[in-house]
């Protein structure tokens, strides 16, 4: 059993490195998807499962809460603090590129959403620790589907992504690594998941217009009304859930259980890649860097952009980029619970103070969306 767990750690390091690499590659090619059907096909394939995979893994390694295992408020404080740190770093990077410095306190369209939503997931799992897993999975799935009908459930307070991705987190939370090992070693599961992934990959390239309509749903932040799908509804959300779960299962089945020199160790630093790759891309976008690459013409610019995404992932995976993150984690872990609550809620209080003049119009905006 000890050997299996050790191998499983290597496997998950490899999966996390692959997943974050897909995140970075997706962000690198996103501005150019309208220039290339190949990029558009690759983009929708990546976005079908890379964040669901991350969220599932987060739930899988979240220790099940019980009367003995209490909620670690320090961990919640760390994620919230990291979320605001990412907002600030990205704002500074955009400002260095000539844009205005802006921070949204109560929602986001950028990558910091994951950190806030992860904190919300942890609280949800703790509050519902005595509820039967089957009930939670059914309720969360219904909420994930129903939330798409309400346009006011959007980036505000990260609610849309919270509802949409909660079932995927809970599937991982209620599962154990040992059970997943047992499932993925089944040859029938390997054959079915592998065949489905291959089929979906081909569909993404051969029937792009059909699949690409699902892009707003895969992001988790868009209501059904924002899509180009006629009569878009819960059935399309369920379809996206099915595609994401199937692709995640295929990744688990075929990523090797071996320690890859250097690369496996980098898989432990995915948080650093998530935090730093976006500001680097913002800074480079303000220079002629990407324009020079595009000027090289097709297919050379595609090869270079894809290679750059991989190299950027490996570069930001170096231990050096984890130093400030580890320092912040150690600092927050030393805080007493009372101070953790201050750390969590203080930024939102500051946000309310800074936007007090806008609150009446903001609440009016929300009421209009709810009415409509």
Protein backbone atom coordinates (compact mmCIF):
# COMPACT_ATOMS: atom_id res chain seq x y z
CA UNK A 1 0.00 0.00 0.00
CA UNK A 2 2.82 2.40 0.82
CA UNK A 3 4.33 1.80 -2.59
CA UNK A 4 1.02 2.56 -4.31
CA UNK A 5 0.65 5.82 -2.41
CA UNK A 6 4.19 6.82 -3.34
CA UNK A 7 3.52 6.06 -6.98
CA UNK A 8 0.29 7.97 -6.75
CA UNK A 9 2.10 11.06 -5.57
CA UNK A 10 4.30 10.93 -8.67
CA UNK A 11 1.25 10.41 -10.83
CA UNK A 12 -0.51 13.43 -9.42
CA UNK A 13 2.58 15.58 -9.74
CA UNK A 14 2.70 14.63 -13.42
CA UNK A 15 -1.01 15.33 -13.84
CA UNK A 16 -0.77 18.71 -12.12
CA UNK A 17 2.18 19.72 -14.30
CA UNK A 18 0.31 18.69 -17.45
CA UNK A 19 -2.81 20.52 -16.29
CA UNK A 20 -1.07 23.79 -15.50
CA UNK A 21 0.82 23.52 -18.79
CA UNK A 22 -2.51 23.33 -20.59
CA UNK A 23 -3.71 26.38 -18.64
CA UNK A 24 -0.67 28.39 -19.72
CA UNK A 25 -0.79 27.20 -23.33
CA UNK A 26 -4.50 28.06 -23.42
CA UNK A 27 -3.81 31.59 -22.18
CA UNK A 28 -0.95 32.02 -24.67
CA UNK A 29 -3.03 31.06 -27.70
CA UNK A 30 -6.35 32.59 -26.55
CA UNK A 31 -5.76 36.00 -28.21
CA UNK A 32 -5.15 34.26 -31.54
CA UNK A 33 -7.95 31.67 -31.69
CA UNK A 34 -9.86 33.80 -34.20
CA UNK A 35 -6.83 33.71 -36.51
CA UNK A 36 -6.58 29.94 -36.62
CA UNK A 37 -9.10 27.10 -36.60
CA UNK A 38 -6.34 24.85 -35.33
CA UNK A 39 -5.83 27.08 -32.29
CA UNK A 40 -9.58 27.32 -31.83
CA UNK A 41 -9.93 23.54 -31.86
CA UNK A 42 -7.03 23.06 -29.46
CA UNK A 43 -8.37 25.81 -27.22
CA UNK A 44 -11.84 24.30 -26.81
CA UNK A 45 -10.32 20.85 -26.23
CA UNK A 46 -8.09 22.21 -23.45
CA UNK A 47 -10.84 24.28 -21.84
CA UNK A 48 -13.14 21.28 -21.72
CA UNK A 49 -11.26 19.76 -18.81
CA UNK A 50 -8.19 21.62 -17.52
CA UNK A 51 -9.91 23.56 -14.69
CA UNK A 52 -12.32 20.72 -13.81
CA UNK A 53 -9.23 18.54 -13.45
CA UNK A 54 -7.57 21.03 -11.09
CA UNK A 55 -10.72 21.40 -9.03
CA UNK A 56 -11.23 17.63 -8.81
CA UNK A 57 -7.64 17.16 -7.60
CA UNK A 58 -8.13 19.92 -5.04
CA UNK A 59 -11.13 18.06 -3.65
CA UNK A 60 -9.37 14.70 -3.80
CA UNK A 61 -6.54 15.86 -1.56
CA UNK A 62 -8.78 17.81 0.80
CA UNK A 63 -8.88 15.75 3.98
CA UNK A 64 -12.45 14.82 4.85
CA UNK A 65 -13.83 16.99 7.65
CA UNK A 66 -15.05 15.42 10.87
CA UNK A 67 -15.45 16.32 14.54
CA UNK A 68 -11.72 15.69 14.92
CA UNK A 69 -10.60 17.34 11.68
CA UNK A 70 -11.79 20.92 12.01
CA UNK A 71 -11.83 23.59 9.35
CA UNK A 72 -8.36 25.10 9.00
CA UNK A 73 -9.16 28.79 8.95
CA UNK A 74 -5.50 29.55 8.26
CA UNK A 75 -5.80 27.75 4.93
CA UNK A 76 -8.90 29.77 4.05
CA UNK A 77 -7.05 32.96 4.95
CA UNK A 78 -4.13 31.92 2.76
CA UNK A 79 -6.30 31.36 -0.31
CA UNK A 80 -8.15 34.65 0.16
CA UNK A 81 -4.89 36.54 0.68
CA UNK A 82 -3.34 34.88 -2.35
CA UNK A 83 -6.42 35.80 -4.37
CA UNK A 84 -6.01 39.48 -3.56
CA UNK A 85 -2.25 39.25 -4.08
CA UNK A 86 -2.89 37.89 -7.59
CA UNK A 87 -5.32 40.75 -8.24
CA UNK A 88 -2.65 43.29 -7.22
CA UNK A 89 0.17 41.65 -9.18
CA UNK A 90 -1.96 41.41 -12.32
CA UNK A 91 -3.12 45.00 -11.87
CA UNK A 92 0.48 46.18 -11.60
CA UNK A 93 1.47 44.18 -14.67
CA UNK A 94 -1.35 45.71 -16.70
CA UNK A 95 -0.38 49.17 -15.43
CA UNK A 96 3.22 48.56 -16.48
CA UNK A 97 1.82 47.80 -19.93
CA UNK A 98 0.14 51.20 -20.09
CA UNK A 99 -3.32 50.36 -18.76
CA UNK A 100 -5.10 51.66 -15.68
CA UNK A 101 -4.56 49.93 -12.34
CA UNK A 102 -7.86 48.40 -11.29
CA UNK A 103 -8.94 45.85 -8.69
CA UNK A 104 -12.36 44.24 -8.35
CA UNK A 105 -13.05 43.32 -4.73
CA UNK A 106 -16.24 41.32 -5.18
CA UNK A 107 -15.64 39.18 -8.23
CA UNK A 108 -13.31 38.65 -11.13
CA UNK A 109 -13.03 37.68 -14.76
CA UNK A 110 -9.37 36.71 -14.40
CA UNK A 111 -7.48 33.80 -12.84
CA UNK A 112 -7.77 34.83 -9.18
CA UNK A 113 -11.30 33.40 -9.09
CA UNK A 114 -9.93 29.89 -8.52
CA UNK A 115 -8.34 30.81 -5.19
CA UNK A 116 -11.50 32.43 -3.82
CA UNK A 117 -13.74 29.64 -5.05
CA UNK A 118 -11.43 27.02 -3.55
CA UNK A 119 -11.80 28.75 -0.16
CA UNK A 120 -15.58 28.71 -0.64
CA UNK A 121 -15.49 25.00 -1.50
CA UNK A 122 -13.58 24.22 1.70
CA UNK A 123 -16.11 26.08 3.81
CA UNK A 124 -18.98 24.33 2.02
CA UNK A 125 -17.44 20.90 2.61
CA UNK A 126 -17.02 21.68 6.31
CA UNK A 127 -20.52 23.09 6.83
CA UNK A 128 -22.09 20.08 5.08
CA UNK A 129 -19.76 17.48 6.59
CA UNK A 130 -22.66 15.58 8.18
CA UNK A 131 -24.81 15.57 5.04
CA UNK A 132 -24.79 12.32 3.06
CA UNK A 133 -22.45 12.53 0.03
CA UNK A 134 -25.19 11.37 -2.37
CA UNK A 135 -27.45 14.23 -1.27
CA UNK A 136 -24.66 16.78 -1.65
CA UNK A 137 -23.72 15.53 -5.11
CA UNK A 138 -27.34 15.64 -6.29
CA UNK A 139 -28.03 19.08 -4.79
CA UNK A 140 -24.77 20.58 -6.10
CA UNK A 141 -25.38 19.18 -9.58
CA UNK A 142 -28.90 20.63 -9.63
CA UNK A 143 -27.59 24.01 -8.48
CA UNK A 144 -24.88 23.88 -11.13
CA UNK A 145 -27.50 23.32 -13.81
CA UNK A 146 -30.16 25.70 -12.50
CA UNK A 147 -27.74 28.59 -11.91
CA UNK A 148 -27.29 28.96 -15.66
CA UNK A 149 -30.87 30.17 -16.04
CA UNK A 150 -30.23 33.29 -13.93
CA UNK A 151 -28.20 36.03 -15.58
CA UNK A 152 -27.48 37.74 -12.24
CA UNK A 153 -25.44 34.70 -11.15
CA UNK A 154 -22.19 35.74 -12.78
CA UNK A 155 -18.70 36.86 -11.76
CA UNK A 156 -20.10 38.80 -8.80
CA UNK A 157 -18.87 37.06 -5.62
CA UNK A 158 -17.61 34.27 -7.92
CA UNK A 159 -21.06 32.68 -7.62
CA UNK A 160 -21.35 31.26 -11.13
CA UNK A 161 -18.07 29.37 -10.99
CA UNK A 162 -18.82 28.32 -7.42
CA UNK A 163 -22.12 26.68 -8.40
CA UNK A 164 -20.88 25.23 -11.69
CA UNK A 165 -17.67 23.66 -10.38
CA UNK A 166 -18.87 22.59 -6.91
CA UNK A 167 -20.00 19.09 -8.06
CA UNK A 168 -16.55 18.40 -9.53
CA UNK A 169 -14.87 19.43 -6.27
CA UNK A 170 -17.24 17.27 -4.22
CA UNK A 171 -16.66 14.22 -6.45
CA UNK A 172 -12.97 14.48 -5.60
CA UNK A 173 -13.69 15.30 -1.95
CA UNK A 174 -15.82 12.20 -1.41
CA UNK A 175 -13.47 9.95 -3.35
CA UNK A 176 -10.14 8.59 -2.10
CA UNK A 177 -6.86 8.21 -4.03
CA UNK A 178 -7.01 4.48 -3.37
CA UNK A 179 -10.46 4.18 -4.94
CA UNK A 180 -9.36 6.18 -7.95
CA UNK A 181 -6.33 3.91 -8.37
CA UNK A 182 -8.62 0.90 -8.35
CA UNK A 183 -10.98 2.43 -10.93
CA UNK A 184 -8.31 3.60 -13.33
CA UNK A 185 -6.51 0.24 -13.35
CA UNK A 186 -9.61 -1.36 -14.83
CA UNK A 187 -8.85 -2.08 -18.49
CA UNK A 188 -12.45 -1.47 -19.51
CA UNK A 189 -12.33 2.00 -17.95
CA UNK A 190 -9.04 2.68 -19.74
CA UNK A 191 -10.41 1.54 -23.09
CA UNK A 192 -13.67 3.50 -22.82
CA UNK A 193 -12.10 6.73 -21.51
CA UNK A 194 -9.28 6.57 -24.06
CA UNK A 195 -11.67 5.99 -26.94
CA UNK A 196 -13.93 8.82 -25.77
CA UNK A 197 -11.03 11.23 -25.47
CA UNK A 198 -9.81 10.35 -28.97
CA UNK A 199 -13.32 10.72 -30.38
CA UNK A 200 -13.83 14.10 -28.71
CA UNK A 201 -10.42 15.30 -29.88
CA UNK A 202 -11.34 14.42 -33.48
CA UNK A 203 -14.73 16.13 -33.10
CA UNK A 204 -13.03 19.30 -31.87
CA UNK A 205 -11.02 19.45 -35.09
CA UNK A 206 -13.55 18.06 -37.57
CA UNK A 207 -16.76 19.62 -36.20
CA UNK A 208 -15.38 22.75 -34.60
CA UNK A 209 -18.49 24.92 -35.05
CA UNK A 210 -20.60 22.37 -33.20
CA UNK A 211 -18.29 22.04 -30.19
CA UNK A 212 -17.08 25.63 -29.94
CA UNK A 213 -20.57 26.81 -29.03
CA UNK A 214 -20.00 25.15 -25.65
CA UNK A 215 -17.07 27.46 -24.82
CA UNK A 216 -19.11 29.88 -22.62
CA UNK A 217 -20.37 26.92 -20.58
CA UNK A 218 -16.94 25.38 -20.03
CA UNK A 219 -15.69 28.62 -18.45
CA UNK A 220 -18.27 28.26 -15.70
CA UNK A 221 -18.93 32.00 -15.60
CA UNK A 222 -21.62 32.45 -18.22
CA UNK A 223 -25.39 31.97 -18.06
CA UNK A 224 -27.17 29.94 -20.72
CA UNK A 225 -28.44 33.12 -22.36
CA UNK A 226 -24.89 34.15 -23.31
CA UNK A 227 -24.38 31.19 -25.63
CA UNK A 228 -25.24 30.82 -29.32
CA UNK A 229 -26.97 27.53 -28.61
CA UNK A 230 -30.71 27.49 -29.33
CA UNK A 231 -32.72 26.64 -26.20
CA UNK A 232 -29.55 26.24 -24.18
CA UNK A 233 -30.35 24.74 -20.80
CA UNK A 234 -29.51 22.20 -18.13
CA UNK A 235 -29.02 19.44 -20.70
CA UNK A 236 -26.07 21.32 -22.17
CA UNK A 237 -24.58 21.81 -18.72
CA UNK A 238 -24.91 18.08 -18.10
CA UNK A 239 -23.22 17.46 -21.46
CA UNK A 240 -20.30 19.67 -20.39
CA UNK A 241 -20.08 17.84 -17.06
CA UNK A 242 -19.97 14.53 -18.91
CA UNK A 243 -17.27 15.68 -21.32
CA UNK A 244 -15.13 17.12 -18.52
CA UNK A 245 -15.41 14.02 -16.34
CA UNK A 246 -14.68 11.70 -19.25
CA UNK A 247 -11.56 13.64 -20.26
CA UNK A 248 -10.36 13.86 -16.65
CA UNK A 249 -10.75 10.09 -16.31
CA UNK A 250 -8.73 9.53 -19.48
CA UNK A 251 -5.93 11.74 -18.11
CA UNK A 252 -5.87 9.76 -14.87
CA UNK A 253 -5.73 6.49 -16.77
CA UNK A 254 -2.89 7.33 -19.12
CA UNK A 255 -0.55 9.65 -17.20
CA UNK A 256 2.25 7.35 -15.97
CA UNK A 257 2.80 6.45 -12.34
CA UNK A 258 6.53 7.13 -12.55
CA UNK A 259 8.83 9.83 -11.33
CA UNK A 260 9.96 11.84 -14.32
CA UNK A 261 13.31 13.49 -13.53
CA UNK A 262 12.94 17.22 -12.83
CA UNK A 263 9.41 17.41 -14.30
CA UNK A 264 7.64 15.50 -11.52
CA UNK A 265 9.17 17.80 -8.91
CA UNK A 266 7.93 20.79 -10.89
CA UNK A 267 4.41 19.38 -10.57
CA UNK A 268 4.47 20.39 -6.90
CA UNK A 269 4.86 24.07 -7.88
CA UNK A 270 1.68 24.51 -9.93
CA UNK A 271 0.44 27.30 -7.65
CA UNK A 272 3.49 29.37 -8.58
CA UNK A 273 2.75 28.84 -12.28
CA UNK A 274 -0.88 29.79 -11.77
CA UNK A 275 0.10 32.98 -9.94
CA UNK A 276 2.99 34.23 -12.09
CA UNK A 277 2.27 33.25 -15.68
CA UNK A 278 -0.52 35.79 -16.21
CA UNK A 279 1.45 38.92 -15.19
CA UNK A 280 4.33 37.73 -17.37
CA UNK A 281 1.94 37.44 -20.33
CA UNK A 282 0.51 40.90 -19.56
CA UNK A 283 3.99 42.39 -19.59
CA UNK A 284 5.00 40.65 -22.80
CA UNK A 285 1.75 41.71 -24.48
CA UNK A 286 2.77 45.34 -23.95
CA UNK A 287 5.95 44.73 -25.98
CA UNK A 288 6.46 43.73 -29.65
CA UNK A 289 7.21 40.16 -28.46
CA UNK A 290 4.03 38.47 -29.69
CA UNK A 291 3.74 40.66 -32.78
CA UNK A 292 7.20 39.51 -33.81
CA UNK A 293 6.17 35.89 -33.41
CA UNK A 294 2.96 36.36 -35.43
CA UNK A 295 4.94 38.11 -38.18
CA UNK A 296 6.87 34.88 -38.80
CA UNK A 297 3.81 33.49 -40.54
CA UNK A 298 1.96 30.20 -40.47
CA UNK A 299 2.84 27.52 -39.34
CA UNK A 300 6.01 28.80 -37.65
CA UNK A 301 4.22 31.23 -35.34
CA UNK A 302 1.93 28.44 -34.12
CA UNK A 303 4.85 26.18 -33.30
CA UNK A 304 6.65 28.98 -31.45
CA UNK A 305 3.59 30.04 -29.45
CA UNK A 306 2.87 26.47 -28.35
CA UNK A 307 6.53 25.92 -27.46
CA UNK A 308 6.61 29.20 -25.57
CA UNK A 309 3.63 28.11 -23.48
CA UNK A 310 5.43 24.91 -22.50
CA UNK A 311 8.72 26.69 -21.76
CA UNK A 312 6.99 29.40 -19.73
CA UNK A 313 5.32 26.70 -17.62
CA UNK A 314 8.64 24.98 -16.93
CA UNK A 315 10.36 28.28 -16.18
CA UNK A 316 7.78 29.49 -13.65
CA UNK A 317 7.75 25.99 -12.10
CA UNK A 318 11.24 26.61 -10.70
CA UNK A 319 11.44 26.64 -6.92
CA UNK A 320 12.47 30.30 -6.98
CA UNK A 321 8.92 31.38 -7.85
CA UNK A 322 7.54 29.50 -4.85
CA UNK A 323 9.61 31.51 -2.36
CA UNK A 324 7.14 34.40 -1.82
CA UNK A 325 4.18 32.01 -1.83
CA UNK A 326 5.78 29.75 0.80
CA UNK A 327 6.74 32.79 2.87
CA UNK A 328 3.13 34.04 2.83
CA UNK A 329 1.86 30.57 3.73
CA UNK A 330 4.21 30.30 6.72
CA UNK A 331 3.24 33.77 7.91
CA UNK A 332 -0.50 33.06 7.79
CA UNK A 333 -0.08 29.63 9.40
CA UNK A 334 1.37 31.39 12.45
CA UNK A 335 -1.70 33.59 12.88
CA UNK A 336 -4.27 32.89 15.55
CA UNK A 337 -7.80 32.16 14.29
CA UNK A 338 -9.10 35.61 15.27
CA UNK A 339 -6.47 37.29 13.10
CA UNK A 340 -7.27 34.91 10.24
CA UNK A 341 -10.83 36.21 10.20
CA UNK A 342 -9.46 39.75 10.08
CA UNK A 343 -7.25 38.80 7.13
CA UNK A 344 -10.21 37.23 5.33
CA UNK A 345 -12.76 40.00 5.78
CA UNK A 346 -10.59 43.14 5.91
CA UNK A 347 -10.07 43.37 2.10
CA UNK A 348 -13.82 43.16 1.51
CA UNK A 349 -14.46 45.89 4.07
CA UNK A 350 -11.88 48.02 2.26
CA UNK A 351 -13.69 47.24 -0.98
CA UNK A 352 -17.01 48.43 0.45
CA UNK A 353 -15.39 51.63 1.70
CA UNK A 354 -13.72 52.41 -1.62
CA UNK A 355 -16.89 51.87 -3.63
CA UNK A 356 -19.45 53.30 -1.21
CA UNK A 357 -20.53 55.93 -3.73
CA UNK A 358 -21.19 53.24 -6.31
CA UNK A 359 -23.19 50.90 -4.06
CA UNK A 360 -26.67 52.36 -4.75
CA UNK A 361 -26.22 52.11 -8.51
CA UNK A 362 -24.64 48.66 -8.14
CA UNK A 363 -27.56 47.31 -6.12
CA UNK A 364 -29.93 48.86 -8.64
CA UNK A 365 -28.03 47.06 -11.39
CA UNK A 366 -28.36 43.73 -9.54
CA UNK A 367 -32.08 44.24 -8.97
CA UNK A 368 -32.61 44.97 -12.65
CA UNK A 369 -30.78 41.77 -13.60
CA UNK A 370 -32.83 39.75 -11.13
CA UNK A 371 -36.08 41.22 -12.44
CA UNK A 372 -35.11 40.52 -16.04
